Amino acid sequence: MSEHKSDISGWLVRRATWHLWVVVVAVLGALAGRSARVTSDGGMDNAIVVRAARIWLAGGSPYDDPHFLYLPSAVLAAVPQVLVPPGVLGVLVPVGVVGCLVGGWVCALRLHGVALRSRFAALGLIGLAAGFAPFAHLVLLGNWTATAVLALPLGLLLAGRGRWVAAGTVFGAAVALKPLLAPVGLLFVFARRWRGAGAMVAVPVVASVGAALVLPDPAGFLTRTLPFLLRGDDGFVRLYEASPVAVLPRVGVPVAVAGGIGVVAAAVGVGCAYLRWRRGDGGPLRLSETAAMLMLSAFLVSRPSYDHYLLVVVPVLVAGLPREGAVARGVWFWLALVPQLPGVSWPYLEAVERRAFRDAVTLCGLAVTVAVHCLRSAGILSPPPPLPVPSSRGAAPSTPSQGAPPPGPPLLKRRRG
């Protein structure tokens, strides 16, 4: 990123002063501190995994709890938390979640070549933490989605440097903890990086099979959790799901029709991601936008699909803002995020149980925006017309013609003797 540009992008990538970093520390510290004060076991969602580990240590099956939706390897990964005193755990988990979110932002900045000490690095993190509701929500819940928020940009950073096997290992480790990044496996298929794909599959398979052998119900994930995910029978969980498959039946759409709409939308999204990869230009935007489109496609049809899942893709896309041609430079990208502004009370959606409608608007808006951008980058759709350029002399704004060189300075007439 060049610091010598005269536009806003040049200002953003210049070095930030210490005042901004004080604000960053204050905002992140406040989020972690609040979660430590009002939660136990590191948050409601983290408590589910810790409880599963306790059940296993007591000789029971962690899959007796229908809300435990993780692979067997996550049970062993949660065992160290059981050994930590609850008071200490209530502090360590929020700090760890914030650390994962900050680490994901750092990796996303590195992916796009943005300086870590820039104004954009500080302001972007402040904006995500204070202006994007799922950020604080994820810290409060202590959900293991935080590992995917860190793993996606880290894996893309490694892939961008040609280390596809290492990227597959990172993605595989994240899937072993929570199978959220599984759709990114298609990125390896698009790129024909079979060794990386093999690493992504091998890590969670080996970890889960090894962990399942020490569980009293080795096939519990396949016999209990997977059917639960496919049916989506939990009425409580359904109130917070943001995918069209879950939201449309709440407004009277038949379940079968809603499922068909979700499947078709996901298939179209995967097709757009493929075109972005095959026909688009190279560079970090190609990686980040293809991966984001794959994840958004999965969220459109997956059960469950919560608001904090958006944190997997939004930071990676926002970090590309200083780059010309990034999807985050479009107005529709930011309009899709408006329902996630904290503190805004939307009519008829004030109840917590109706938050899913706001989340669905953001999810669908982001999916459509990124899909259209992918098609434009692939040359399928024509780019939007250029914005009018105002004249420096106060004349009417003019629209530059495509391909025409910028006007040069007026020729000076030679004065005669």
Protein backbone atom coordinates (compact mmCIF):
# COMPACT_ATOMS: atom_id res chain seq x y z
CA MET A 1 0.00 0.00 0.00
CA SER A 2 1.39 3.37 -0.99
CA GLU A 3 1.44 6.18 1.59
CA HIS A 4 1.94 8.83 -1.11
CA LYS A 5 -1.58 8.78 -2.54
CA SER A 6 -3.53 11.98 -2.13
CA ASP A 7 -6.89 10.25 -1.57
CA ILE A 8 -8.30 8.76 1.62
CA SER A 9 -6.55 5.42 1.05
CA GLY A 10 -3.17 7.13 1.25
CA TRP A 11 -4.14 8.77 4.55
CA LEU A 12 -5.39 5.49 5.99
CA VAL A 13 -2.22 3.50 5.38
CA ARG A 14 0.03 6.07 7.05
CA ARG A 15 1.31 5.38 10.54
CA ALA A 16 -1.15 5.80 13.39
CA THR A 17 -0.38 7.87 16.47
CA TRP A 18 -0.33 6.36 19.95
CA HIS A 19 -3.70 7.95 20.73
CA LEU A 20 -5.47 5.54 18.38
CA TRP A 21 -3.81 2.52 19.96
CA VAL A 22 -4.96 3.67 23.39
CA VAL A 23 -8.52 3.66 22.06
CA VAL A 24 -8.00 0.17 20.61
CA VAL A 25 -6.79 -1.20 23.95
CA ALA A 26 -9.61 0.53 25.82
CA VAL A 27 -12.35 -0.82 23.56
CA LEU A 28 -11.04 -4.37 23.48
CA GLY A 29 -10.35 -4.34 27.21
CA ALA A 30 -13.89 -3.15 27.91
CA LEU A 31 -15.38 -5.98 25.85
CA ALA A 32 -13.27 -8.65 27.51
CA GLY A 33 -13.83 -7.16 30.97
CA ARG A 34 -17.60 -7.07 30.57
CA SER A 35 -17.70 -10.69 29.44
CA ALA A 36 -15.54 -11.73 32.40
CA ARG A 37 -17.91 -9.98 34.81
CA VAL A 38 -21.27 -11.24 33.54
CA THR A 39 -20.49 -14.80 32.36
CA SER A 40 -19.28 -18.05 33.84
CA ASP A 41 -17.13 -20.73 32.20
CA GLY A 42 -16.06 -18.11 29.66
CA GLY A 43 -19.49 -17.60 28.12
CA MET A 44 -22.63 -19.58 27.37
CA ASP A 45 -21.30 -21.30 24.24
CA ASN A 46 -17.91 -22.11 25.70
CA ALA A 47 -19.70 -23.60 28.70
CA ILE A 48 -21.34 -26.15 26.38
CA VAL A 49 -17.96 -27.48 25.27
CA VAL A 50 -16.56 -27.44 28.82
CA ARG A 51 -19.63 -29.30 30.08
CA ALA A 52 -19.12 -31.92 27.37
CA ALA A 53 -15.54 -32.41 28.51
CA ARG A 54 -16.69 -32.79 32.12
CA ILE A 55 -19.27 -35.39 31.09
CA TRP A 56 -16.60 -37.35 29.26
CA LEU A 57 -14.23 -37.25 32.24
CA ALA A 58 -17.10 -38.56 34.36
CA GLY A 59 -17.56 -41.52 32.00
CA GLY A 60 -20.52 -40.26 29.99
CA SER A 61 -21.02 -39.34 26.33
CA PRO A 62 -20.60 -35.65 25.42
CA TYR A 63 -23.20 -36.12 22.69
CA ASP A 64 -25.92 -36.60 25.29
CA ASP A 65 -26.19 -32.81 25.09
CA PRO A 66 -27.93 -32.00 21.76
CA HIS A 67 -26.33 -28.55 21.74
CA PHE A 68 -22.82 -29.99 21.56
CA LEU A 69 -22.28 -29.74 17.79
CA TYR A 70 -18.53 -30.31 17.61
CA LEU A 71 -16.31 -33.13 16.38
CA PRO A 72 -14.88 -35.57 18.96
CA SER A 73 -11.51 -33.82 18.79
CA ALA A 74 -13.09 -30.73 20.40
CA VAL A 75 -13.83 -32.74 23.53
CA LEU A 76 -10.16 -33.39 24.17
CA ALA A 77 -9.30 -29.81 23.27
CA ALA A 78 -11.69 -28.59 25.99
CA VAL A 79 -10.26 -30.83 28.74
CA PRO A 80 -7.60 -28.28 29.84
CA GLN A 81 -10.40 -25.82 30.60
CA VAL A 82 -11.92 -28.27 33.05
CA LEU A 83 -8.70 -28.16 35.08
CA VAL A 84 -8.76 -24.35 35.35
CA PRO A 85 -10.64 -22.72 38.26
CA PRO A 86 -13.92 -21.13 37.09
CA GLY A 87 -12.86 -17.64 38.17
CA VAL A 88 -9.67 -17.84 36.14
CA LEU A 89 -11.45 -19.45 33.19
CA GLY A 90 -13.97 -16.61 33.12
CA VAL A 91 -11.09 -14.22 32.42
CA LEU A 92 -8.94 -16.36 30.15
CA VAL A 93 -11.67 -17.23 27.64
CA PRO A 94 -12.78 -13.64 26.81
CA VAL A 95 -9.15 -12.61 26.54
CA GLY A 96 -8.47 -15.60 24.30
CA VAL A 97 -11.47 -14.82 22.08
CA VAL A 98 -10.37 -11.19 21.73
CA GLY A 99 -6.87 -12.45 20.95
CA CYS A 100 -8.22 -14.67 18.15
CA LEU A 101 -10.23 -11.79 16.68
CA VAL A 102 -7.26 -9.44 16.81
CA GLY A 103 -5.01 -12.13 15.35
CA GLY A 104 -7.45 -12.66 12.50
CA TRP A 105 -7.47 -8.92 11.76
CA VAL A 106 -3.66 -8.84 11.78
CA CYS A 107 -3.47 -11.77 9.34
CA ALA A 108 -6.09 -10.14 7.10
CA LEU A 109 -4.04 -6.94 7.00
CA ARG A 110 -0.88 -8.88 6.17
CA LEU A 111 -2.74 -10.72 3.43
CA HIS A 112 -3.62 -7.43 1.74
CA GLY A 113 -0.24 -5.83 2.36
CA VAL A 114 -1.48 -3.19 4.82
CA ALA A 115 0.98 -1.98 7.45
CA LEU A 116 0.13 -3.18 10.96
CA ARG A 117 0.93 0.22 12.46
CA SER A 118 -1.24 2.14 10.01
CA ARG A 119 -4.26 4.23 10.82
CA PHE A 120 -6.40 1.78 8.93
CA ALA A 121 -5.21 -1.08 11.15
CA ALA A 122 -6.24 0.80 14.29
CA LEU A 123 -9.45 2.36 12.96
CA GLY A 124 -10.57 -0.86 11.34
CA LEU A 125 -10.20 -2.78 14.58
CA ILE A 126 -12.04 -0.07 16.51
CA GLY A 127 -14.81 -0.10 13.91
CA LEU A 128 -15.23 -3.86 14.07
CA ALA A 129 -15.19 -3.95 17.88
CA ALA A 130 -17.44 -0.95 18.52
CA GLY A 131 -19.53 -0.73 15.33
CA PHE A 132 -20.20 -4.36 14.39
CA ALA A 133 -22.50 -6.06 16.91
CA PRO A 134 -21.41 -9.68 16.25
CA PHE A 135 -17.91 -8.80 17.52
CA ALA A 136 -19.06 -8.06 21.07
CA HIS A 137 -21.61 -10.86 20.86
CA LEU A 138 -18.92 -13.42 20.07
CA VAL A 139 -16.76 -12.24 22.96
CA LEU A 140 -19.75 -12.48 25.30
CA LEU A 141 -20.65 -16.00 24.17
CA GLY A 142 -17.10 -17.34 24.10
CA ASN A 143 -18.00 -19.32 20.99
CA TRP A 144 -15.28 -21.32 19.27
CA THR A 145 -16.13 -19.53 16.04
CA ALA A 146 -13.25 -17.31 17.14
CA THR A 147 -10.83 -20.03 16.01
CA ALA A 148 -12.27 -19.84 12.48
CA VAL A 149 -12.01 -16.03 12.52
CA LEU A 150 -8.29 -16.46 13.10
CA ALA A 151 -7.74 -19.49 10.87
CA LEU A 152 -9.34 -18.18 7.65
CA PRO A 153 -7.08 -15.13 7.10
CA LEU A 154 -4.06 -17.04 8.42
CA GLY A 155 -4.64 -19.86 5.96
CA LEU A 156 -5.26 -17.42 3.10
CA LEU A 157 -2.05 -15.59 4.01
CA LEU A 158 -0.11 -18.84 3.76
CA ALA A 159 -1.84 -19.77 0.49
CA GLY A 160 -1.02 -16.34 -0.93
CA ARG A 161 2.65 -17.07 -0.25
CA GLY A 162 2.43 -20.41 -2.04
CA ARG A 163 2.36 -22.53 1.14
CA TRP A 164 -0.81 -24.43 0.36
CA VAL A 165 -0.01 -27.47 2.49
CA ALA A 166 0.52 -25.25 5.52
CA ALA A 167 -2.74 -23.47 4.68
CA GLY A 168 -4.55 -26.81 4.52
CA THR A 169 -3.09 -27.77 7.89
CA VAL A 170 -4.34 -24.52 9.46
CA PHE A 171 -7.81 -24.97 8.00
CA GLY A 172 -7.86 -28.62 9.06
CA ALA A 173 -6.91 -27.73 12.63
CA ALA A 174 -9.75 -25.19 12.72
CA VAL A 175 -12.21 -27.79 11.41
CA ALA A 176 -11.05 -30.22 14.11
CA LEU A 177 -12.07 -27.64 16.71
CA LYS A 178 -15.26 -26.54 14.95
CA PRO A 179 -16.27 -27.71 11.45
CA LEU A 180 -17.11 -24.20 10.27
CA LEU A 181 -14.41 -23.73 7.63
CA ALA A 182 -15.15 -26.96 5.78
CA PRO A 183 -16.51 -25.08 2.70
CA VAL A 184 -13.08 -23.50 2.19
CA GLY A 185 -11.93 -26.92 1.02
CA LEU A 186 -13.42 -26.03 -2.37
CA LEU A 187 -10.76 -23.32 -2.68
CA PHE A 188 -8.12 -26.06 -2.90
CA VAL A 189 -10.21 -27.79 -5.55
CA PHE A 190 -10.48 -24.59 -7.58
CA ALA A 191 -6.73 -24.06 -7.32
CA ARG A 192 -5.99 -27.77 -7.90
CA ARG A 193 -3.81 -27.87 -4.81
CA TRP A 194 -4.45 -31.49 -3.94
CA ARG A 195 -1.75 -31.82 -1.31
CA GLY A 196 -3.19 -28.86 0.56
CA ALA A 197 -6.67 -30.36 0.28
CA GLY A 198 -5.33 -33.64 1.60
CA ALA A 199 -3.81 -31.88 4.60
CA MET A 200 -7.08 -30.10 5.32
CA VAL A 201 -8.96 -33.40 5.32
CA ALA A 202 -6.34 -35.47 7.13
CA VAL A 203 -5.91 -33.26 10.19
CA PRO A 204 -9.53 -33.31 11.44
CA VAL A 205 -10.04 -36.95 10.40
CA VAL A 206 -7.00 -38.18 12.30
CA ALA A 207 -7.77 -35.97 15.32
CA SER A 208 -11.45 -36.95 15.43
CA VAL A 209 -10.90 -40.68 14.91
CA GLY A 210 -8.25 -40.69 17.60
CA ALA A 211 -10.51 -38.82 20.01
CA ALA A 212 -13.54 -40.95 19.17
CA LEU A 213 -11.70 -44.10 20.22
CA VAL A 214 -11.61 -42.87 23.82
CA LEU A 215 -15.26 -41.78 23.90
CA PRO A 216 -18.01 -44.10 25.19
CA ASP A 217 -20.02 -43.27 22.06
CA PRO A 218 -17.44 -43.15 19.23
CA ALA A 219 -20.04 -42.61 16.49
CA GLY A 220 -22.04 -40.04 18.45
CA PHE A 221 -21.31 -37.22 16.04
CA LEU A 222 -22.60 -39.25 13.09
CA THR A 223 -25.60 -40.82 14.82
CA ARG A 224 -26.77 -37.90 16.95
CA THR A 225 -25.26 -34.54 15.98
CA LEU A 226 -25.37 -34.88 12.19
CA PRO A 227 -29.08 -35.87 12.07
CA PHE A 228 -29.83 -33.00 14.46
CA LEU A 229 -28.07 -30.54 12.14
CA LEU A 230 -29.91 -31.87 9.10
CA ARG A 231 -33.34 -31.77 10.75
CA GLY A 232 -32.97 -28.51 12.68
CA ASP A 233 -35.60 -29.62 15.18
CA ASP A 234 -34.48 -27.41 18.08
CA GLY A 235 -37.13 -24.70 18.43
CA PHE A 236 -34.92 -22.58 20.71
CA VAL A 237 -31.94 -22.61 18.36
CA ARG A 238 -34.14 -21.90 15.34
CA LEU A 239 -35.07 -18.49 16.76
CA TYR A 240 -31.47 -17.32 16.35
CA GLU A 241 -30.61 -18.83 12.99
CA ALA A 242 -30.02 -16.36 10.16
CA SER A 243 -30.05 -18.55 7.06
CA PRO A 244 -33.04 -18.26 4.70
CA VAL A 245 -33.73 -21.94 5.36
CA ALA A 246 -34.55 -21.05 8.97
CA VAL A 247 -35.94 -17.51 8.60
CA LEU A 248 -38.35 -17.92 5.68
CA PRO A 249 -40.58 -20.52 7.41
CA ARG A 250 -41.08 -17.99 10.21
CA VAL A 251 -42.86 -15.68 7.76
CA GLY A 252 -45.06 -18.37 6.28
CA VAL A 253 -42.90 -19.86 3.53
CA PRO A 254 -43.21 -23.68 3.40
CA VAL A 255 -40.18 -25.47 4.80
CA ALA A 256 -39.56 -27.35 1.54
CA VAL A 257 -39.67 -24.14 -0.49
CA ALA A 258 -37.35 -22.36 1.93
CA GLY A 259 -34.92 -25.27 1.75
CA GLY A 260 -34.97 -25.18 -2.03
CA ILE A 261 -34.32 -21.44 -2.08
CA GLY A 262 -31.37 -21.89 0.26
CA VAL A 263 -29.87 -24.70 -1.81
CA VAL A 264 -30.23 -22.79 -5.07
CA ALA A 265 -28.74 -19.63 -3.54
CA ALA A 266 -25.81 -21.62 -2.16
CA ALA A 267 -25.20 -23.30 -5.52
CA VAL A 268 -25.22 -19.94 -7.30
CA GLY A 269 -22.79 -18.58 -4.74
CA VAL A 270 -20.38 -21.46 -5.27
CA GLY A 271 -20.59 -20.85 -9.01
CA CYS A 272 -19.75 -17.17 -8.53
CA ALA A 273 -16.80 -18.13 -6.34
CA TYR A 274 -15.53 -20.47 -9.04
CA LEU A 275 -15.79 -17.78 -11.70
CA ARG A 276 -14.01 -15.31 -9.43
CA TRP A 277 -11.16 -17.76 -9.05
CA ARG A 278 -10.90 -18.92 -12.65
CA ARG A 279 -11.41 -15.65 -14.50
CA GLY A 280 -10.52 -12.99 -11.98
CA ASP A 281 -7.16 -11.35 -11.58
CA GLY A 282 -4.61 -12.70 -9.15
CA GLY A 283 -3.50 -11.29 -5.84
CA PRO A 284 -4.95 -11.28 -2.33
CA LEU A 285 -8.37 -10.02 -3.41
CA ARG A 286 -8.82 -13.15 -5.49
CA LEU A 287 -8.11 -15.35 -2.45
CA SER A 288 -10.16 -13.40 0.07
CA GLU A 289 -13.21 -12.84 -2.12
CA THR A 290 -13.33 -16.42 -3.37
CA ALA A 291 -13.07 -17.78 0.17
CA ALA A 292 -15.64 -15.29 1.47
CA MET A 293 -18.10 -16.23 -1.27
CA LEU A 294 -17.70 -19.92 -0.41
CA MET A 295 -18.35 -19.26 3.26
CA LEU A 296 -21.35 -17.00 2.61
CA SER A 297 -22.81 -19.65 0.30
CA ALA A 298 -22.55 -22.20 3.08
CA PHE A 299 -24.15 -19.84 5.60
CA LEU A 300 -27.16 -19.42 3.30
CA VAL A 301 -28.08 -23.08 3.67
CA SER A 302 -26.34 -24.32 6.81
CA ARG A 303 -28.05 -25.17 10.06
CA PRO A 304 -27.24 -23.47 12.33
CA SER A 305 -26.11 -20.09 10.96
CA TYR A 306 -25.66 -17.41 13.61
CA ASP A 307 -24.81 -13.72 13.50
CA HIS A 308 -21.24 -14.22 14.74
CA TYR A 309 -20.51 -16.43 11.71
CA LEU A 310 -20.34 -13.16 9.77
CA LEU A 311 -17.10 -12.37 11.60
CA VAL A 312 -15.42 -15.12 9.62
CA VAL A 313 -15.74 -13.18 6.37
CA VAL A 314 -16.27 -9.50 7.20
CA PRO A 315 -12.77 -8.69 8.56
CA VAL A 316 -11.10 -10.40 5.60
CA LEU A 317 -13.15 -8.29 3.19
CA VAL A 318 -12.82 -5.04 5.14
CA ALA A 319 -9.04 -5.43 5.30
CA GLY A 320 -8.93 -5.18 1.50
CA LEU A 321 -10.47 -1.69 1.53
CA PRO A 322 -7.21 0.17 0.70
CA ARG A 323 -6.85 -1.95 -2.45
CA GLU A 324 -8.43 -0.67 -5.63
CA GLY A 325 -11.23 -2.91 -6.84
CA ALA A 326 -12.04 -4.38 -3.42
CA VAL A 327 -15.64 -5.29 -2.69
CA ALA A 328 -15.44 -3.19 0.50
CA ARG A 329 -15.17 -0.07 -1.67
CA GLY A 330 -18.74 -0.52 -2.84
CA VAL A 331 -21.61 1.20 -1.08
CA TRP A 332 -23.76 -1.96 -1.04
CA PHE A 333 -21.21 -3.74 1.11
CA TRP A 334 -21.62 -1.16 3.87
CA LEU A 335 -25.38 -0.95 3.49
CA ALA A 336 -25.57 -4.69 4.15
CA LEU A 337 -23.80 -4.13 7.48
CA VAL A 338 -26.22 -1.43 8.70
CA PRO A 339 -28.52 -3.90 10.54
CA GLN A 340 -25.52 -4.87 12.69
CA LEU A 341 -24.99 -1.39 14.16
CA PRO A 342 -25.05 -1.71 17.96
CA GLY A 343 -27.65 0.22 19.90
CA VAL A 344 -30.03 0.77 16.97
CA SER A 345 -33.59 -0.32 17.74
CA TRP A 346 -35.36 -1.54 14.62
CA PRO A 347 -39.19 -1.42 14.63
CA TYR A 348 -40.84 -4.79 15.28
CA LEU A 349 -37.41 -6.41 15.66
CA GLU A 350 -36.60 -5.24 19.19
CA ALA A 351 -37.06 -8.68 20.74
CA VAL A 352 -33.95 -10.85 20.95
CA GLU A 353 -35.85 -13.70 19.33
CA ARG A 354 -36.37 -11.56 16.22
CA ARG A 355 -32.74 -10.60 15.82
CA ALA A 356 -32.41 -13.37 13.24
CA PHE A 357 -34.33 -11.26 10.72
CA ARG A 358 -31.71 -8.51 10.93
CA ASP A 359 -28.95 -11.08 10.66
CA ALA A 360 -30.64 -12.62 7.62
CA VAL A 361 -30.75 -9.23 5.89
CA THR A 362 -27.03 -8.75 6.47
CA LEU A 363 -26.18 -12.29 5.40
CA CYS A 364 -28.22 -12.15 2.20
CA GLY A 365 -27.06 -8.61 1.44
CA LEU A 366 -23.41 -9.57 1.80
CA ALA A 367 -23.91 -12.72 -0.27
CA VAL A 368 -25.54 -10.80 -3.13
CA THR A 369 -22.97 -8.00 -2.97
CA VAL A 370 -19.98 -10.33 -3.02
CA ALA A 371 -21.56 -12.51 -5.73
CA VAL A 372 -22.13 -9.53 -8.03
CA HIS A 373 -18.60 -8.34 -7.36
CA CYS A 374 -17.25 -11.78 -8.23
CA LEU A 375 -19.12 -11.74 -11.53
CA ARG A 376 -17.80 -8.27 -12.33
CA SER A 377 -14.26 -9.30 -11.50
CA ALA A 378 -14.69 -12.31 -13.77
CA GLY A 379 -15.94 -10.10 -16.62
CA ILE A 380 -19.46 -11.57 -16.60
CA LEU A 381 -21.13 -8.32 -15.55
CA SER A 382 -20.09 -4.85 -16.62
CA PRO A 383 -18.54 -2.67 -13.92
CA PRO A 384 -20.54 0.24 -12.51
CA PRO A 385 -20.15 3.59 -14.28
CA PRO A 386 -17.41 5.83 -12.92
CA LEU A 387 -18.39 8.51 -10.45
CA PRO A 388 -18.45 12.12 -11.69
CA VAL A 389 -15.23 14.00 -11.08
CA PRO A 390 -15.84 17.58 -9.87
CA SER A 391 -13.85 20.29 -11.52
CA SER A 392 -11.34 22.20 -9.41
CA ARG A 393 -12.66 25.50 -10.86
CA GLY A 394 -16.21 24.97 -9.73
CA ALA A 395 -17.52 23.88 -13.13
CA ALA A 396 -20.10 21.15 -13.51
CA PRO A 397 -18.78 17.68 -12.68
CA SER A 398 -17.63 15.63 -15.61
CA THR A 399 -17.50 11.88 -16.06
CA PRO A 400 -14.18 10.63 -17.40
CA SER A 401 -14.45 8.45 -20.44
CA GLN A 402 -13.07 4.94 -20.12
CA GLY A 403 -9.65 4.54 -21.62
CA ALA A 404 -9.18 8.26 -22.25
CA PRO A 405 -5.98 9.80 -20.86
CA PRO A 406 -6.32 12.41 -18.12
CA PRO A 407 -6.34 15.98 -19.42
CA GLY A 408 -2.98 17.69 -19.25
CA PRO A 409 -2.23 21.28 -18.28
CA PRO A 410 -3.29 23.98 -20.74
CA LEU A 411 -0.70 25.08 -23.21
CA LEU A 412 0.81 28.48 -22.50
CA LYS A 413 0.78 30.96 -25.37
CA ARG A 414 4.14 32.46 -26.20
CA ARG A 415 4.15 36.18 -25.66
CA ARG A 416 5.40 38.12 -28.56
CA GLY A 417 8.10 40.71 -28.09
